[in-house]
Structure formats: C-alpha cells, structure tokens
Amino acid sequence: MLERLVSHPYYCFLDSYLGLFLIPNHPDDQEKTTFTCSYGTFAYRRMPFGLCNAQATFQHCMMSIFMEMIEEFMEVFMDDFSVYGSSFKDCLDNLCRVLARCEEKHLVLNWEKCHFMVRDGIVLGHKISEAGIEVDKAKIEVMTNFQLPSNVKALRSFLGHAGFYRRFIKEFSKTASPLTTLLYKDVTFEFNNDCLDSFQQIKSA
C-alpha cells in the first residue's frame, strides 16, 4: 500500500469518525457482546473495540465501499483514507468522488484529523510524499531517546520499534542478531559489548 501511495504531488488524508461503531451488530448476535457492570447488564448494538473479528470486518466494509477507487486514486486502512492525484486538479476531482461516496454511505469524517491538498503526510508511521517513503521524524526521536534495555521486556520494546523500520536499516537481521539472541528461551540476559554495539548501530542507522 505504501509503495502505491508514493510519487504523487498532491494528497488528501481523511479520517472517518466513530470507526467500528459505524457497523451495527445483527440482533441475533448482540447477546454475544453482553457485559455486566454496576449499572446492570448490557449488550452492544454496534460493533465495539476488542472483538476478535472487529478489525477485519471493519476493513472489509471500508474496502467494499470504495472498491473501484482503491489502487486507482486512493488507499484505505481501517478509518484512514488516503487520496492522491497526478496534479492539483486531479487530486481535487478524486477527493470530490470520495466525499460523494462518503455522503452516499453516510460516512462522517473527523474534520480535525483531515488534511486536504498537501504535499506529504504520515501513513502507517511513514512519511509519504512525491519523493518516496521516509521515516516519521517523531519515530526517529523515540528511537534516539531509547534507554539501554535492562531486561527482556525493554529489549522487546526496542526491537519492536526498530523492526517497524527495518526496511530503512541495512542488514537489520544481522545487526540485531546479538540482541535477538537474548530473547531465546533459557538464555541469561547479559547485555555484553556485542549487544551494546548492536544497540548503538540500530539507534544511529
């Protein structure tokens, strides 16, 4: 999806309001979402967060709504819609088609999170522009400020952040090997010089 978004001069980034709550639960299935609290027993009439199939169902619904537009001039990931065009007019025309479909399907947009006719934007933690795919600067700051891992949990967190951008780190698997070894079962957590070198290389990559 990211590869299809790059190399366009203009973008519009839209955010759908309410997300999963847009999807009604079938009356026969509402009892499956029953929960009890101090105010009584309730069941969701609309899809809540946390159901095992909620995200897949929502993504399927969004893609079915914009089916003929996806990969032609827009991409959809959950409640985030990315519209692009080869020129200002082209992008504006595409935006009008998307907005018309939103109106037709009663999709409400969160205008505070929408960006119109911009040159770049953040999609799935990556900066997308005509120039290509770049790392989000906010994520770089998180990586550079990461403290030396003192336990397995902290190391997993670091490798999770680093792995998200492994496409930008040359020979990531080889570089991270001393660190990933510490995650193996029955391996004593001993942060030696090889681990320190690996940690510093990934941070500065």
C-alpha atoms as a PDB file:
ATOM      1  CA  MET A   1       0.000   0.000   0.000  1.00  0.00           C
ATOM      2  CA  LEU A   2       2.785   2.438   0.882  1.00  0.00           C
ATOM      3  CA  GLU A   3       4.502   1.801  -2.446  1.00  0.00           C
ATOM      4  CA  ARG A   4       1.317   2.714  -4.325  1.00  0.00           C
ATOM      5  CA  LEU A   5       0.960   5.963  -2.395  1.00  0.00           C
ATOM      6  CA  VAL A   6       4.358   7.443  -3.209  1.00  0.00           C
ATOM      7  CA  SER A   7       5.358   9.534  -6.229  1.00  0.00           C
ATOM      8  CA  HIS A   8       2.266  11.756  -6.279  1.00  0.00           C
ATOM      9  CA  PRO A   9       2.445  15.565  -5.968  1.00  0.00           C
ATOM     10  CA  TYR A  10      -0.804  16.060  -4.010  1.00  0.00           C
ATOM     11  CA  TYR A  11      -2.601  14.158  -1.275  1.00  0.00           C
ATOM     12  CA  CYS A  12      -5.685  14.316   0.914  1.00  0.00           C
ATOM     13  CA  PHE A  13      -5.734  12.374   4.179  1.00  0.00           C
ATOM     14  CA  LEU A  14      -9.187  11.709   5.620  1.00  0.00           C
ATOM     15  CA  ASP A  15     -10.210  10.221   8.957  1.00  0.00           C
ATOM     16  CA  SER A  16     -13.559   8.523   9.489  1.00  0.00           C
ATOM     17  CA  TYR A  17     -15.477   9.446  12.633  1.00  0.00           C
ATOM     18  CA  LEU A  18     -16.671   6.774  15.114  1.00  0.00           C
ATOM     19  CA  GLY A  19     -14.815   3.918  13.395  1.00  0.00           C
ATOM     20  CA  LEU A  20     -16.094   0.479  14.419  1.00  0.00           C
ATOM     21  CA  PHE A  21     -19.260   1.947  15.920  1.00  0.00           C
ATOM     22  CA  LEU A  22     -20.469   2.603  12.369  1.00  0.00           C
ATOM     23  CA  ILE A  23     -21.162  -1.119  11.969  1.00  0.00           C
ATOM     24  CA  PRO A  24     -24.397  -2.451  13.553  1.00  0.00           C
ATOM     25  CA  ASN A  25     -24.397  -5.869  15.192  1.00  0.00           C
ATOM     26  CA  HIS A  26     -27.008  -8.302  13.947  1.00  0.00           C
ATOM     27  CA  PRO A  27     -29.830  -8.580  16.540  1.00  0.00           C
ATOM     28  CA  ASP A  28     -29.208 -12.332  16.838  1.00  0.00           C
ATOM     29  CA  ASP A  29     -25.556 -11.699  17.734  1.00  0.00           C
ATOM     30  CA  GLN A  30     -25.917  -8.797  20.152  1.00  0.00           C
ATOM     31  CA  GLU A  31     -26.182 -11.107  23.156  1.00  0.00           C
ATOM     32  CA  LYS A  32     -22.667 -12.361  22.377  1.00  0.00           C
ATOM     33  CA  THR A  33     -21.316  -8.946  23.391  1.00  0.00           C
ATOM     34  CA  THR A  34     -23.106  -8.919  26.756  1.00  0.00           C
ATOM     35  CA  PHE A  35     -21.235  -7.479  29.728  1.00  0.00           C
ATOM     36  CA  THR A  36     -22.183  -6.693  33.309  1.00  0.00           C
ATOM     37  CA  CYS A  37     -21.235  -3.648  35.368  1.00  0.00           C
ATOM     38  CA  SER A  38     -22.520  -1.857  38.462  1.00  0.00           C
ATOM     39  CA  TYR A  39     -25.320  -0.281  36.403  1.00  0.00           C
ATOM     40  CA  GLY A  40     -26.672  -3.569  35.076  1.00  0.00           C
ATOM     41  CA  THR A  41     -26.246  -5.965  32.152  1.00  0.00           C
ATOM     42  CA  PHE A  42     -25.851  -4.574  28.645  1.00  0.00           C
ATOM     43  CA  ALA A  43     -25.138  -5.717  25.089  1.00  0.00           C
ATOM     44  CA  TYR A  44     -23.634  -3.741  22.223  1.00  0.00           C
ATOM     45  CA  ARG A  45     -25.952  -2.815  19.382  1.00  0.00           C
ATOM     46  CA  ARG A  46     -22.940  -1.709  17.365  1.00  0.00           C
ATOM     47  CA  MET A  47     -19.536  -3.295  16.955  1.00  0.00           C
ATOM     48  CA  PRO A  48     -17.243  -2.474  19.896  1.00  0.00           C
ATOM     49  CA  PHE A  49     -13.469  -2.494  20.056  1.00  0.00           C
ATOM     50  CA  GLY A  50     -11.883  -5.740  21.174  1.00  0.00           C
ATOM     51  CA  LEU A  51     -13.865  -8.362  19.239  1.00  0.00           C
ATOM     52  CA  CYS A  52     -11.533 -10.843  17.537  1.00  0.00           C
ATOM     53  CA  ASN A  53     -13.012 -10.176  14.084  1.00  0.00           C
ATOM     54  CA  ALA A  54     -13.767  -6.463  14.538  1.00  0.00           C
ATOM     55  CA  GLN A  55     -10.805  -5.017  12.640  1.00  0.00           C
ATOM     56  CA  ALA A  56     -11.054  -7.458   9.729  1.00  0.00           C
ATOM     57  CA  THR A  57     -14.803  -6.830   9.431  1.00  0.00           C
ATOM     58  CA  PHE A  58     -14.367  -3.071   9.513  1.00  0.00           C
ATOM     59  CA  GLN A  59     -11.570  -3.158   6.917  1.00  0.00           C
ATOM     60  CA  HIS A  60     -13.722  -5.344   4.647  1.00  0.00           C
ATOM     61  CA  CYS A  61     -16.630  -2.894   4.941  1.00  0.00           C
ATOM     62  CA  MET A  62     -14.470   0.131   4.147  1.00  0.00           C
ATOM     63  CA  MET A  63     -12.879  -1.568   1.142  1.00  0.00           C
ATOM     64  CA  SER A  64     -16.259  -2.640  -0.221  1.00  0.00           C
ATOM     65  CA  ILE A  65     -17.493   0.960  -0.022  1.00  0.00           C
ATOM     66  CA  PHE A  66     -14.565   2.328  -2.056  1.00  0.00           C
ATOM     67  CA  MET A  67     -13.854  -0.847  -4.044  1.00  0.00           C
ATOM     68  CA  GLU A  68     -13.494   0.643  -7.542  1.00  0.00           C
ATOM     69  CA  MET A  69     -11.462   3.609  -6.252  1.00  0.00           C
ATOM     70  CA  ILE A  70      -8.839   1.673  -4.280  1.00  0.00           C
ATOM     71  CA  GLU A  71      -5.477   1.408  -6.067  1.00  0.00           C
ATOM     72  CA  GLU A  72      -6.788   3.797  -8.741  1.00  0.00           C
ATOM     73  CA  PHE A  73      -6.543   7.009  -6.727  1.00  0.00           C
ATOM     74  CA  MET A  74      -6.977   6.111  -3.062  1.00  0.00           C
ATOM     75  CA  GLU A  75      -5.939   3.667  -0.342  1.00  0.00           C
ATOM     76  CA  VAL A  76      -7.912   2.610   2.725  1.00  0.00           C
ATOM     77  CA  PHE A  77      -6.614   1.330   6.037  1.00  0.00           C
ATOM     78  CA  MET A  78      -9.300   0.998   8.685  1.00  0.00           C
ATOM     79  CA  ASP A  79     -10.727   4.502   9.228  1.00  0.00           C
ATOM     80  CA  ASP A  80      -7.900   6.316   7.414  1.00  0.00           C
ATOM     81  CA  PHE A  81      -8.413   7.185   3.744  1.00  0.00           C
ATOM     82  CA  SER A  82      -5.555   8.457   1.557  1.00  0.00           C
ATOM     83  CA  VAL A  83      -6.487  10.165  -1.723  1.00  0.00           C
ATOM     84  CA  TYR A  84      -3.906  11.194  -4.323  1.00  0.00           C
ATOM     85  CA  GLY A  85      -3.634  12.694  -7.801  1.00  0.00           C
ATOM     86  CA  SER A  86      -1.110  13.466 -10.518  1.00  0.00           C
ATOM     87  CA  SER A  87      -1.963  17.188 -10.336  1.00  0.00           C
ATOM     88  CA  PHE A  88      -3.831  19.607  -8.085  1.00  0.00           C
ATOM     89  CA  LYS A  89      -6.977  19.350 -10.233  1.00  0.00           C
ATOM     90  CA  ASP A  90      -6.708  15.583 -10.500  1.00  0.00           C
ATOM     91  CA  CYS A  91      -6.420  15.203  -6.718  1.00  0.00           C
ATOM     92  CA  LEU A  92      -9.306  17.621  -6.170  1.00  0.00           C
ATOM     93  CA  ASP A  93     -11.522  15.682  -8.591  1.00  0.00           C
ATOM     94  CA  ASN A  94     -10.640  12.420  -6.848  1.00  0.00           C
ATOM     95  CA  LEU A  95     -11.400  13.983  -3.474  1.00  0.00           C
ATOM     96  CA  CYS A  96     -14.836  15.042  -4.711  1.00  0.00           C
ATOM     97  CA  ARG A  97     -15.582  11.461  -5.755  1.00  0.00           C
ATOM     98  CA  VAL A  98     -14.524  10.119  -2.364  1.00  0.00           C
ATOM     99  CA  LEU A  99     -16.548  12.736  -0.468  1.00  0.00           C
ATOM    100  CA  ALA A 100     -19.587  11.976  -2.616  1.00  0.00           C
ATOM    101  CA  ARG A 101     -19.252   8.285  -1.729  1.00  0.00           C
ATOM    102  CA  CYS A 102     -18.920   9.158   1.966  1.00  0.00           C
ATOM    103  CA  GLU A 103     -22.114  11.204   1.735  1.00  0.00           C
ATOM    104  CA  GLU A 104     -23.882   8.400  -0.118  1.00  0.00           C
ATOM    105  CA  LYS A 105     -22.892   5.811   2.520  1.00  0.00           C
ATOM    106  CA  HIS A 106     -23.409   8.177   5.474  1.00  0.00           C
ATOM    107  CA  LEU A 107     -19.750   8.095   6.480  1.00  0.00           C
ATOM    108  CA  VAL A 108     -18.915  11.018   8.755  1.00  0.00           C
ATOM    109  CA  LEU A 109     -15.382  12.425   8.659  1.00  0.00           C
ATOM    110  CA  ASN A 110     -13.467  13.881  11.580  1.00  0.00           C
ATOM    111  CA  TRP A 111     -12.507  17.231  10.043  1.00  0.00           C
ATOM    112  CA  GLU A 112      -9.956  17.948  12.793  1.00  0.00           C
ATOM    113  CA  LYS A 113      -7.868  14.993  11.584  1.00  0.00           C
ATOM    114  CA  CYS A 114      -8.333  15.571   7.845  1.00  0.00           C
ATOM    115  CA  HIS A 115      -5.692  17.209   5.655  1.00  0.00           C
ATOM    116  CA  PHE A 116      -6.531  18.478   2.180  1.00  0.00           C
ATOM    117  CA  MET A 117      -4.326  19.089  -0.862  1.00  0.00           C
ATOM    118  CA  VAL A 118      -0.999  18.613   0.907  1.00  0.00           C
ATOM    119  CA  ARG A 119       2.388  17.575  -0.434  1.00  0.00           C
ATOM    120  CA  ASP A 120       3.089  14.874   2.149  1.00  0.00           C
ATOM    121  CA  GLY A 121       1.607  13.102   5.144  1.00  0.00           C
ATOM    122  CA  ILE A 122       2.037  10.324   7.691  1.00  0.00           C
ATOM    123  CA  VAL A 123       0.574   6.919   6.766  1.00  0.00           C
ATOM    124  CA  LEU A 124       1.113   3.850   8.957  1.00  0.00           C
ATOM    125  CA  GLY A 125       4.009   5.564  10.718  1.00  0.00           C
ATOM    126  CA  HIS A 126       5.781   6.512   7.475  1.00  0.00           C
ATOM    127  CA  LYS A 127       6.113   9.881   5.756  1.00  0.00           C
ATOM    128  CA  ILE A 128       4.678   9.640   2.242  1.00  0.00           C
ATOM    129  CA  SER A 129       5.469  12.173  -0.492  1.00  0.00           C
ATOM    130  CA  GLU A 130       6.366  12.529  -4.155  1.00  0.00           C
ATOM    131  CA  ALA A 131       9.981  11.878  -3.141  1.00  0.00           C
ATOM    132  CA  GLY A 132       9.176   8.445  -1.695  1.00  0.00           C
ATOM    133  CA  ILE A 133       8.865   6.775   1.712  1.00  0.00           C
ATOM    134  CA  GLU A 134      10.684   8.215   4.711  1.00  0.00           C
ATOM    135  CA  VAL A 135      10.774   7.523   8.428  1.00  0.00           C
ATOM    136  CA  ASP A 136       8.450   9.669  10.530  1.00  0.00           C
ATOM    137  CA  LYS A 137      10.684  12.143  12.406  1.00  0.00           C
ATOM    138  CA  ALA A 138       8.649  11.645  15.573  1.00  0.00           C
ATOM    139  CA  LYS A 139       9.528   7.940  15.466  1.00  0.00           C
ATOM    140  CA  ILE A 140      13.215   8.768  14.985  1.00  0.00           C
ATOM    141  CA  GLU A 141      13.124  10.836  18.162  1.00  0.00           C
ATOM    142  CA  VAL A 142      11.603   7.907  20.055  1.00  0.00           C
ATOM    143  CA  MET A 143      14.394   5.618  18.843  1.00  0.00           C
ATOM    144  CA  THR A 144      17.242   8.021  19.635  1.00  0.00           C
ATOM    145  CA  ASN A 145      15.876   8.595  23.150  1.00  0.00           C
ATOM    146  CA  PHE A 146      15.560   4.886  23.907  1.00  0.00           C
ATOM    147  CA  GLN A 147      17.411   3.916  27.083  1.00  0.00           C
ATOM    148  CA  LEU A 148      19.706   0.909  27.273  1.00  0.00           C
ATOM    149  CA  PRO A 149      17.457  -2.165  27.791  1.00  0.00           C
ATOM    150  CA  SER A 150      17.853  -3.612  31.282  1.00  0.00           C
ATOM    151  CA  ASN A 151      15.555  -6.615  30.838  1.00  0.00           C
ATOM    152  CA  VAL A 152      13.812  -8.739  28.201  1.00  0.00           C
ATOM    153  CA  LYS A 153      10.645  -6.635  28.258  1.00  0.00           C
ATOM    154  CA  ALA A 154      12.560  -3.420  27.496  1.00  0.00           C
ATOM    155  CA  LEU A 155      14.549  -5.186  24.774  1.00  0.00           C
ATOM    156  CA  ARG A 156      11.370  -6.478  23.117  1.00  0.00           C
ATOM    157  CA  SER A 157      10.009  -2.943  23.112  1.00  0.00           C
ATOM    158  CA  PHE A 158      13.164  -1.582  21.480  1.00  0.00           C
ATOM    159  CA  LEU A 159      13.293  -4.307  18.823  1.00  0.00           C
ATOM    160  CA  GLY A 160       9.594  -3.802  18.145  1.00  0.00           C
ATOM    161  CA  HIS A 161      10.147  -0.120  17.399  1.00  0.00           C
ATOM    162  CA  ALA A 162      13.288  -0.822  15.371  1.00  0.00           C
ATOM    163  CA  GLY A 163      11.719  -3.686  13.428  1.00  0.00           C
ATOM    164  CA  PHE A 164       8.918  -1.418  12.246  1.00  0.00           C
ATOM    165  CA  TYR A 165      11.521   0.466  10.179  1.00  0.00           C
ATOM    166  CA  ARG A 166      13.753  -2.444   9.259  1.00  0.00           C
ATOM    167  CA  ARG A 167      13.363  -1.591   5.557  1.00  0.00           C
ATOM    168  CA  PHE A 168      15.497   1.505   6.207  1.00  0.00           C
ATOM    169  CA  ILE A 169      18.201  -0.329   8.192  1.00  0.00           C
ATOM    170  CA  LYS A 170      20.760  -2.193   6.096  1.00  0.00           C
ATOM    171  CA  GLU A 171      21.177  -5.853   7.100  1.00  0.00           C
ATOM    172  CA  PHE A 172      18.841  -5.374  10.039  1.00  0.00           C
ATOM    173  CA  SER A 173      18.620  -9.072  10.951  1.00  0.00           C
ATOM    174  CA  LYS A 174      22.398  -9.434  11.030  1.00  0.00           C
ATOM    175  CA  THR A 175      22.894  -6.232  13.017  1.00  0.00           C
ATOM    176  CA  ALA A 176      20.200  -7.121  15.545  1.00  0.00           C
ATOM    177  CA  SER A 177      21.358 -10.732  15.951  1.00  0.00           C
ATOM    178  CA  PRO A 178      23.182 -10.227  19.313  1.00  0.00           C
ATOM    179  CA  LEU A 179      20.032  -8.612  20.704  1.00  0.00           C
ATOM    180  CA  THR A 180      17.539 -11.154  19.397  1.00  0.00           C
ATOM    181  CA  THR A 181      19.669 -13.943  20.894  1.00  0.00           C
ATOM    182  CA  LEU A 182      18.834 -12.562  24.344  1.00  0.00           C
ATOM    183  CA  LEU A 183      15.155 -13.273  23.660  1.00  0.00           C
ATOM    184  CA  TYR A 184      15.712 -17.010  23.294  1.00  0.00           C
ATOM    185  CA  LYS A 185      14.316 -19.313  25.943  1.00  0.00           C
ATOM    186  CA  ASP A 186      16.751 -20.322  28.714  1.00  0.00           C
ATOM    187  CA  VAL A 187      19.267 -17.621  27.664  1.00  0.00           C
ATOM    188  CA  THR A 188      20.560 -15.453  30.506  1.00  0.00           C
ATOM    189  CA  PHE A 189      20.011 -11.741  29.902  1.00  0.00           C
ATOM    190  CA  GLU A 190      23.585 -10.495  29.704  1.00  0.00           C
ATOM    191  CA  PHE A 191      23.998  -7.235  27.798  1.00  0.00           C
ATOM    192  CA  ASN A 192      27.615  -7.585  26.629  1.00  0.00           C
ATOM    193  CA  ASN A 193      29.709  -5.424  24.297  1.00  0.00           C
ATOM    194  CA  ASP A 194      28.312  -7.105  21.166  1.00  0.00           C
ATOM    195  CA  CYS A 195      24.801  -6.247  22.330  1.00  0.00           C
ATOM    196  CA  LEU A 196      25.850  -2.683  23.075  1.00  0.00           C
ATOM    197  CA  ASP A 197      27.382  -2.289  19.600  1.00  0.00           C
ATOM    198  CA  SER A 198      24.223  -3.714  18.014  1.00  0.00           C
ATOM    199  CA  PHE A 199      22.030  -1.385  20.072  1.00  0.00           C
ATOM    200  CA  GLN A 200      24.056   1.699  19.101  1.00  0.00           C
ATOM    201  CA  GLN A 201      24.192   0.749  15.403  1.00  0.00           C
ATOM    202  CA  ILE A 202      20.424   0.356  15.193  1.00  0.00           C
ATOM    203  CA  LYS A 203      19.807   3.637  17.015  1.00  0.00           C
ATOM    204  CA  SER A 204      22.117   5.547  14.666  1.00  0.00           C
ATOM    205  CA  ALA A 205      21.013   3.810  11.447  1.00  0.00           C
END
